[in-house]
Protein backbone atom coordinates (compact mmCIF):
# COMPACT_ATOMS: atom_id res chain seq x y z
CA MET A 1 20.32 -67.66 15.04
CA GLN A 2 22.29 -70.74 16.17
CA ARG A 3 20.65 -73.00 13.57
CA TYR A 4 21.35 -70.40 10.87
CA ILE A 5 25.03 -70.20 11.81
CA ILE A 6 25.39 -74.00 11.84
CA PHE A 7 23.76 -74.23 8.40
CA PHE A 8 25.97 -71.44 7.05
CA ILE A 9 29.13 -73.11 8.40
CA ALA A 10 28.07 -76.40 6.83
CA ALA A 11 27.52 -74.73 3.44
CA VAL A 12 30.91 -73.03 3.55
CA THR A 13 32.59 -76.27 4.65
CA LEU A 14 31.16 -78.05 1.59
CA LEU A 15 32.47 -75.25 -0.64
CA LEU A 16 35.92 -75.55 0.93
CA ALA A 17 35.93 -79.29 0.35
CA ALA A 18 34.96 -78.81 -3.29
CA ASN A 19 37.56 -76.09 -3.92
CA PRO A 20 40.44 -76.75 -1.48
CA ALA A 21 43.19 -75.35 -3.72
CA GLU A 22 41.30 -72.18 -4.55
CA ALA A 23 40.02 -71.23 -1.09
CA ALA A 24 41.46 -68.93 1.57
CA SER A 25 40.02 -68.59 5.06
CA VAL A 26 40.87 -66.98 8.41
CA HIS A 27 39.25 -67.13 11.86
CA TYR A 28 39.52 -64.04 14.06
CA SER A 29 38.86 -64.21 17.81
CA ALA A 30 37.34 -61.45 19.94
CA SER A 31 40.77 -60.44 21.24
CA GLN A 32 42.12 -60.08 17.69
CA LEU A 33 39.07 -58.05 16.69
CA SER A 34 39.56 -55.56 19.52
CA SER A 35 41.83 -53.84 16.99
CA ALA A 36 41.18 -53.29 13.30
CA VAL A 37 42.35 -56.18 11.10
CA ILE A 38 42.96 -56.62 7.38
CA PHE A 39 42.22 -60.00 5.82
CA GLN A 40 44.54 -60.80 2.90
CA ALA A 41 44.42 -63.62 0.35
CA TYR A 42 46.17 -64.62 -2.87
CA ASP A 43 49.36 -62.63 -2.22
CA GLY A 44 47.40 -59.49 -1.40
CA ASP A 45 45.18 -59.61 -4.49
CA VAL A 46 42.16 -59.53 -2.14
CA LYS A 47 41.93 -57.54 1.09
CA ILE A 48 38.99 -57.01 3.44
CA GLU A 49 39.24 -54.35 6.14
CA VAL A 50 37.45 -55.10 9.42
CA PRO A 51 36.91 -52.20 11.87
CA ALA A 52 37.80 -52.63 15.54
CA GLY A 53 35.45 -53.77 18.29
CA GLN A 54 32.38 -54.73 16.25
CA HIS A 55 32.44 -58.55 16.25
CA SER A 56 32.58 -61.31 18.88
CA PHE A 57 34.29 -63.52 16.30
CA LEU A 58 34.70 -63.48 12.54
CA ASP A 59 35.33 -66.11 9.85
CA ILE A 60 36.21 -64.95 6.34
CA TYR A 61 36.26 -67.29 3.34
CA VAL A 62 37.35 -66.27 -0.16
CA PHE A 63 37.18 -68.52 -3.23
CA LYS A 64 38.97 -67.72 -6.46
CA LYS A 65 36.65 -68.42 -9.38
CA SER A 66 37.46 -69.25 -12.98
CA ALA A 67 36.57 -67.03 -15.94
CA ASP A 68 33.95 -69.62 -16.91
CA ALA A 69 31.74 -68.13 -14.20
CA MET A 70 31.56 -64.81 -16.08
CA PRO A 71 29.03 -63.74 -18.71
CA GLU A 72 30.28 -63.93 -22.28
CA ASN A 73 32.23 -61.08 -23.88
CA VAL A 74 33.21 -59.46 -20.57
CA GLU A 75 36.83 -58.44 -20.10
CA LEU A 76 38.44 -58.61 -16.66
CA VAL A 77 41.35 -56.72 -15.11
CA SER A 78 41.36 -58.76 -11.88
CA GLY A 79 40.55 -62.18 -10.54
CA ILE A 80 36.94 -63.16 -9.79
CA TYR A 81 36.24 -63.89 -6.14
CA ASP A 82 33.38 -65.24 -4.03
CA TYR A 83 33.53 -64.13 -0.40
CA TYR A 84 31.67 -65.20 2.73
CA ILE A 85 31.88 -63.33 6.05
CA LEU A 86 30.49 -65.17 9.09
CA SER A 87 29.75 -63.53 12.45
CA PRO A 88 26.66 -63.11 14.68
CA GLN A 89 26.99 -59.37 14.03
CA VAL A 90 27.10 -59.63 10.21
CA ASP A 91 23.91 -59.44 8.12
CA ASP A 92 22.96 -58.30 4.61
CA GLN A 93 23.35 -54.64 5.64
CA ALA A 94 26.87 -55.02 7.06
CA ILE A 95 29.48 -52.95 5.20
CA PHE A 96 33.14 -53.79 4.64
CA ASN A 97 35.89 -52.08 2.67
CA LEU A 98 37.08 -54.54 -0.01
CA ILE A 99 40.31 -53.98 -1.92
CA LEU A 100 41.14 -55.82 -5.16
CA LYS A 101 44.38 -55.75 -7.12
CA TYR A 102 44.03 -55.25 -10.87
CA ASN A 103 46.31 -56.10 -13.79
CA SER A 104 46.14 -53.34 -16.40
CA ASP A 105 48.31 -50.44 -17.55
CA SER A 106 45.55 -48.66 -19.47
CA ILE A 107 44.44 -45.09 -18.72
CA TYR A 108 40.76 -45.96 -18.28
CA ALA A 109 38.92 -45.75 -14.96
CA LYS A 110 38.40 -48.99 -13.06
CA HIS A 111 35.63 -50.01 -10.69
CA ILE A 112 34.75 -52.94 -8.50
CA TYR A 113 31.57 -54.66 -9.68
CA LYS A 114 29.42 -56.99 -7.58
CA TRP A 115 27.29 -59.72 -9.10
CA ASN A 116 23.56 -59.20 -8.52
CA TYR A 117 22.27 -62.76 -8.08
CA GLU A 118 18.58 -61.81 -8.30
CA GLU A 119 18.76 -59.69 -11.47
CA LYS A 120 21.72 -61.56 -13.03
CA PHE A 121 24.00 -58.64 -13.86
CA TRP A 122 27.26 -57.08 -12.67
CA GLN A 123 26.52 -53.95 -10.60
CA LEU A 124 29.01 -51.07 -10.43
CA GLN A 125 30.18 -50.06 -6.95
CA PRO A 126 31.52 -46.53 -6.23
CA SER A 127 35.27 -47.15 -6.16
CA VAL A 128 38.60 -45.50 -5.41
CA ILE A 129 41.73 -46.29 -7.45
CA ASP A 130 45.27 -46.35 -6.03
CA LEU A 131 47.57 -46.16 -9.05
CA GLU A 132 50.78 -46.90 -7.17
CA SER A 133 49.56 -50.18 -5.65
CA GLN A 134 47.31 -50.94 -8.66
CA THR A 135 44.32 -51.58 -6.42
CA VAL A 136 40.66 -50.57 -6.38
CA SER A 137 38.65 -50.28 -3.15
CA ALA A 138 34.90 -50.08 -2.52
CA LEU A 139 32.49 -50.28 0.40
CA ILE A 140 30.54 -53.51 -0.15
CA SER A 141 27.42 -54.54 1.77
CA GLY A 142 26.36 -58.06 2.67
CA ARG A 143 27.87 -61.18 4.18
CA LYS A 144 28.52 -62.82 0.82
CA GLY A 145 29.02 -61.90 -2.81
CA LYS A 146 30.95 -62.25 -6.05
CA ILE A 147 33.29 -59.38 -6.98
CA ALA A 148 35.71 -58.39 -9.76
CA VAL A 149 37.35 -55.30 -11.27
CA PHE A 150 36.34 -54.01 -14.71
CA GLU A 151 37.71 -51.12 -16.69
CA ALA A 152 35.30 -48.41 -17.81
CA GLY A 153 33.35 -49.59 -20.82
CA SER A 154 34.30 -53.25 -20.50
CA VAL A 155 30.70 -54.30 -19.69
CA GLU A 156 29.27 -52.74 -22.82
CA SER A 157 27.80 -56.09 -23.84
CA GLU A 158 25.30 -55.59 -20.98
CA GLU A 159 24.65 -51.91 -21.75
CA ARG A 160 22.99 -50.05 -24.60
CA GLU A 161 24.74 -47.06 -26.14
CA LEU A 162 22.97 -44.56 -28.40
CA SER A 163 24.31 -41.47 -30.18
CA SER A 164 22.88 -38.27 -31.62
CA ALA A 165 22.75 -37.73 -35.38
CA ASP A 166 25.95 -35.64 -35.29
CA GLN A 167 27.69 -38.40 -33.26
CA LEU A 168 28.84 -35.83 -30.69
CA PHE A 169 26.44 -36.85 -27.91
CA THR A 170 26.10 -40.35 -26.48
CA ILE A 171 24.00 -41.89 -23.72
CA LYS A 172 24.89 -45.23 -22.20
CA LEU A 173 22.02 -47.03 -20.48
CA PRO A 174 23.00 -49.05 -17.40
CA ALA A 175 23.10 -52.84 -17.33
CA ALA A 176 20.11 -52.85 -14.94
CA LEU A 177 17.89 -51.85 -17.89
CA ALA A 178 19.07 -54.70 -20.14
CA GLY A 179 15.79 -56.61 -19.82
CA TYR A 180 13.47 -53.65 -20.44
CA GLN A 181 11.56 -52.94 -23.64
CA MET A 182 12.28 -49.26 -24.26
CA LEU A 183 11.93 -46.49 -26.81
CA THR A 184 14.82 -44.03 -26.68
CA LYS A 185 14.88 -40.80 -28.69
CA ILE A 186 17.66 -38.22 -28.99
CA ASP A 187 17.16 -34.74 -30.49
CA SER A 188 19.50 -31.76 -30.79
CA PHE A 189 18.85 -28.01 -30.88
CA SER A 190 21.20 -25.16 -31.69
CA ASN A 191 19.21 -22.82 -29.43
CA LEU A 192 16.07 -23.01 -27.29
CA GLY A 193 16.10 -19.46 -25.96
CA TYR A 194 17.15 -20.52 -22.46
CA PRO A 195 19.16 -17.97 -20.43
CA GLU A 196 22.85 -18.86 -20.45
CA GLU A 197 25.18 -17.27 -17.89
CA LYS A 198 28.11 -19.35 -19.13
CA ALA A 199 29.44 -19.84 -22.65
CA ARG A 200 27.83 -22.91 -24.23
CA THR A 201 30.18 -24.96 -26.42
CA SER A 202 27.79 -27.60 -27.78
CA ASP A 203 24.29 -28.01 -29.11
CA ILE A 204 21.52 -28.70 -26.62
CA TYR A 205 20.77 -32.43 -26.60
CA GLN A 206 17.46 -33.87 -25.48
CA PHE A 207 17.09 -37.55 -24.62
CA ASP A 208 13.91 -39.39 -23.70
CA VAL A 209 13.92 -43.00 -22.44
CA LYS A 210 10.40 -44.48 -22.29
CA SER A 211 9.13 -47.87 -21.18
CA GLY A 212 5.84 -49.54 -20.37
CA GLN A 213 7.18 -50.41 -16.93
CA PRO A 214 8.87 -48.29 -14.22
CA LEU A 215 12.56 -47.80 -14.99
CA ASP A 216 15.17 -48.79 -12.41
CA LEU A 217 17.65 -45.91 -12.46
CA THR A 218 19.43 -46.71 -9.21
CA GLU A 219 22.34 -47.11 -11.62
CA PRO A 220 22.57 -43.83 -13.56
CA ILE A 221 22.62 -43.09 -17.28
CA GLN A 222 26.05 -41.98 -18.49
CA LEU A 223 26.15 -38.91 -20.74
CA THR A 224 29.12 -38.05 -22.98
CA ILE A 225 29.62 -34.94 -25.15
CA ASN A 226 32.62 -34.56 -27.46
CA PHE A 227 34.49 -31.28 -27.95
CA SER A 228 37.18 -29.77 -30.18
CA SER A 229 40.71 -30.88 -29.29
CA ALA A 230 42.00 -27.31 -29.72
CA GLU A 231 39.78 -25.96 -26.93
CA HIS A 232 41.50 -25.96 -23.50
CA ALA A 233 38.90 -24.11 -21.43
CA ARG A 234 37.56 -26.43 -18.74
CA LYS A 235 34.10 -27.74 -19.61
CA ALA A 236 31.26 -29.41 -17.73
CA ILE A 237 27.84 -30.87 -18.55
CA TYR A 238 24.75 -29.02 -17.30
CA TYR A 239 21.07 -30.03 -17.48
CA TRP A 240 18.10 -27.67 -17.84
CA ASP A 241 15.82 -27.47 -14.78
CA ASN A 242 12.38 -26.05 -15.67
CA ASN A 243 11.47 -25.53 -12.00
CA GLN A 244 14.50 -23.34 -11.33
CA ASN A 245 14.58 -21.91 -14.87
CA SER A 246 18.33 -22.42 -14.99
CA TRP A 247 21.12 -24.76 -16.04
CA ILE A 248 22.25 -27.11 -13.24
CA TYR A 249 25.81 -28.42 -13.01
CA LEU A 250 26.43 -32.18 -13.22
CA PRO A 251 29.70 -33.48 -11.69
CA SER A 252 31.73 -34.09 -14.85
CA TRP A 253 35.00 -35.70 -15.84
CA THR A 254 37.07 -35.26 -19.00
CA ASN A 255 38.77 -37.87 -21.18
CA TYR A 256 41.55 -35.96 -22.93
CA TYR A 257 42.45 -38.94 -25.09
CA GLU A 258 38.98 -38.94 -26.65
CA ASN A 259 38.22 -35.18 -26.28
CA SER A 260 35.02 -35.82 -24.38
CA VAL A 261 33.27 -34.84 -21.16
CA SER A 262 31.05 -37.31 -19.28
CA ALA A 263 28.61 -37.17 -16.38
CA TYR A 264 25.98 -39.36 -14.70
CA ILE A 265 22.28 -38.52 -14.47
CA HIS A 266 19.34 -40.37 -12.87
CA LEU A 267 16.64 -38.82 -15.08
CA PRO A 268 14.99 -40.68 -18.01
CA PHE A 269 14.32 -37.34 -19.77
CA SER A 270 16.48 -34.25 -19.84
CA ARG A 271 18.06 -31.52 -21.95
CA VAL A 272 21.82 -31.20 -21.52
CA ALA A 273 24.69 -29.17 -22.96
CA LEU A 274 28.40 -28.49 -22.52
CA PHE A 275 29.47 -25.17 -20.96
CA LYS A 276 32.81 -23.47 -20.33
CA GLU A 277 33.84 -22.89 -16.73
CA GLU A 278 35.03 -19.27 -16.81
CA GLY A 279 38.57 -18.55 -15.63
CA GLN A 280 39.47 -22.25 -15.62
CA TRP A 281 41.53 -24.20 -18.10
CA ALA A 282 41.93 -27.93 -18.40
CA GLY A 283 44.39 -30.18 -20.18
CA GLU A 284 47.47 -32.28 -19.58
CA ALA A 285 50.46 -31.42 -17.40
CA SER A 286 53.88 -33.04 -17.12
CA TRP A 287 56.86 -32.36 -14.84
CA TYR A 288 60.49 -31.27 -14.99
CA ALA A 289 63.33 -31.07 -12.45
CA TRP A 290 64.87 -27.61 -12.05
CA ARG A 291 64.30 -25.23 -9.13
CA GLY A 292 62.85 -27.80 -6.74
CA GLY A 293 59.76 -25.96 -5.51
CA ASN A 294 56.19 -24.96 -6.28
CA TYR A 295 56.94 -23.57 -9.73
CA ALA A 296 55.59 -24.11 -13.23
CA ALA A 297 56.15 -23.32 -16.90
CA SER A 298 53.34 -21.79 -18.97
CA ARG A 299 52.83 -20.34 -22.45
CA ASP A 300 49.73 -18.41 -21.41
CA TYR A 301 50.63 -16.76 -18.09
CA PRO A 302 53.46 -14.28 -17.37
CA SER A 303 56.39 -14.92 -15.05
CA GLY A 304 55.33 -14.39 -11.44
CA ALA A 305 51.67 -15.30 -11.99
CA GLN A 306 50.22 -17.60 -9.34
CA LEU A 307 48.02 -20.51 -10.40
CA LYS A 308 46.00 -23.17 -8.63
CA VAL A 309 46.55 -26.53 -10.36
CA THR A 310 44.18 -29.40 -9.54
CA ASN A 311 44.46 -33.09 -10.46
CA ILE A 312 41.28 -34.11 -12.30
CA THR A 313 42.20 -37.73 -13.03
CA TYR A 314 38.76 -39.32 -12.65
CA GLY A 315 38.80 -42.36 -10.34
CA SER A 316 42.30 -41.66 -8.98
CA LYS A 317 43.06 -41.40 -5.26
CA ASN A 318 44.66 -38.03 -6.08
CA PHE A 319 41.52 -36.68 -7.77
CA GLY A 320 40.83 -33.16 -6.49
CA LYS A 321 44.28 -32.54 -4.96
CA SER A 322 45.59 -29.02 -5.62
CA VAL A 323 48.85 -27.09 -5.43
CA ILE A 324 49.59 -23.36 -5.73
CA VAL A 325 52.46 -22.65 -8.15
CA THR A 326 54.33 -19.59 -9.40
CA ILE A 327 55.20 -19.26 -13.10
CA ASN A 328 58.98 -18.94 -13.56
CA ASP A 329 59.54 -20.44 -17.02
CA TYR A 330 58.05 -20.60 -20.52
CA GLY A 331 56.63 -23.82 -21.93
CA PRO A 332 55.64 -26.49 -22.73
CA ALA A 333 55.95 -26.40 -26.53
CA GLU A 334 52.55 -26.04 -28.21
CA TRP A 335 53.00 -29.20 -30.29
CA THR A 336 53.00 -31.30 -27.09
CA GLY A 337 49.33 -30.48 -26.47
CA ARG A 338 50.06 -29.85 -22.77
CA ILE A 339 48.85 -26.63 -21.16
CA ILE A 340 51.34 -26.45 -18.26
CA ASP A 341 54.40 -28.21 -16.85
CA LEU A 342 55.03 -28.40 -13.11
CA ASP A 343 58.27 -28.53 -11.20
CA LYS A 344 58.91 -32.06 -9.91
CA VAL A 345 58.25 -30.97 -6.31
CA ALA A 346 54.88 -29.42 -7.17
CA TYR A 347 53.83 -32.30 -9.44
CA SER A 348 54.54 -34.92 -6.75
CA GLN A 349 52.12 -33.19 -4.36
CA ILE A 350 49.11 -33.93 -6.58
CA GLY A 351 50.18 -36.80 -8.87
CA TYR A 352 52.49 -39.75 -9.39
CA LEU A 353 55.82 -38.92 -11.00
CA LYS A 354 56.04 -42.29 -12.72
CA GLY A 355 52.83 -41.53 -14.60
CA GLY A 356 54.58 -38.75 -16.53
CA VAL A 357 51.43 -36.78 -17.41
CA MET A 358 48.04 -36.16 -15.83
CA PRO A 359 44.89 -34.15 -16.63
CA VAL A 360 44.66 -30.95 -14.59
CA ARG A 361 42.48 -27.90 -14.06
CA VAL A 362 44.29 -24.54 -13.98
CA GLU A 363 42.87 -21.42 -12.28
CA GLU A 364 44.56 -18.03 -11.95
CA ILE A 365 44.79 -16.59 -8.45
CA GLU A 366 44.01 -12.88 -8.51
């Protein structure tokens, strides 16, 4: 262990000497590490959270890399950083919460990606977005790595995207399959005679990804189904399970700017479709300042009706937050495309006022 640590220190020292202006480093003693600490570099653009009482000492090194280190045709919304974490208690299975600041005002979801040195591709990490601080956080394993923030879809040069004949269904194969020789087929059916307890709003789409070698689907396939912009009932993607003889829900998110619903799946073959979630409506909500309470304006519900409104902004820290409101006004105007407006007080409980609008799910409380 001692020889390994000496070698690792020597390697990091050489890197520091080669990149003195672009390196940040901190040494933490055992007394400092008795409490949780947060390493910060580059004016807070990079943060690493270290839990209390787990290390006898800790050295953290972060190097800011140039865009030349990236694959071609990849767009960034953050800096690119190499990090090294040195401690006798840190190995390749150690987990730290890394926080990166991004520079983008777009509506699209953002994720931290980590460079896979063995397979030579950027690997998506489950991430949480904080819109107010414009940061993305993720639990990252290992004592070293290269990390950056990408917006959804910005690594398409390393993915393969295929659509159905009607262009309403799309599958996006993950970057991990970029080196595979594959045959992918997509079919659609108006009806297969399957029992349907919910109202189906799309054709049934069948996809089949075949290869002569085992497929690595640790990164999932992304499914997307488009829908009519005039339809405000909340929708989700389901897949058909022959063993259970039923449709199984896939956690789904909606892009209201593109009128589409997406979900992830780890199966190379499946039949999927879009279904309405009964008693639930989804669309955009804005806010207004009037009564100063948990109130809302609606075209569809009468005054006095109580509704549960949930933030469904995929990737946001507020995703899943709900508020109970009482209808006390009429609106918004139909031409706005919004399905409900919340009083400022109610809106601020589940979303950011400065955002102006957010996608929500609306459910009536009986």
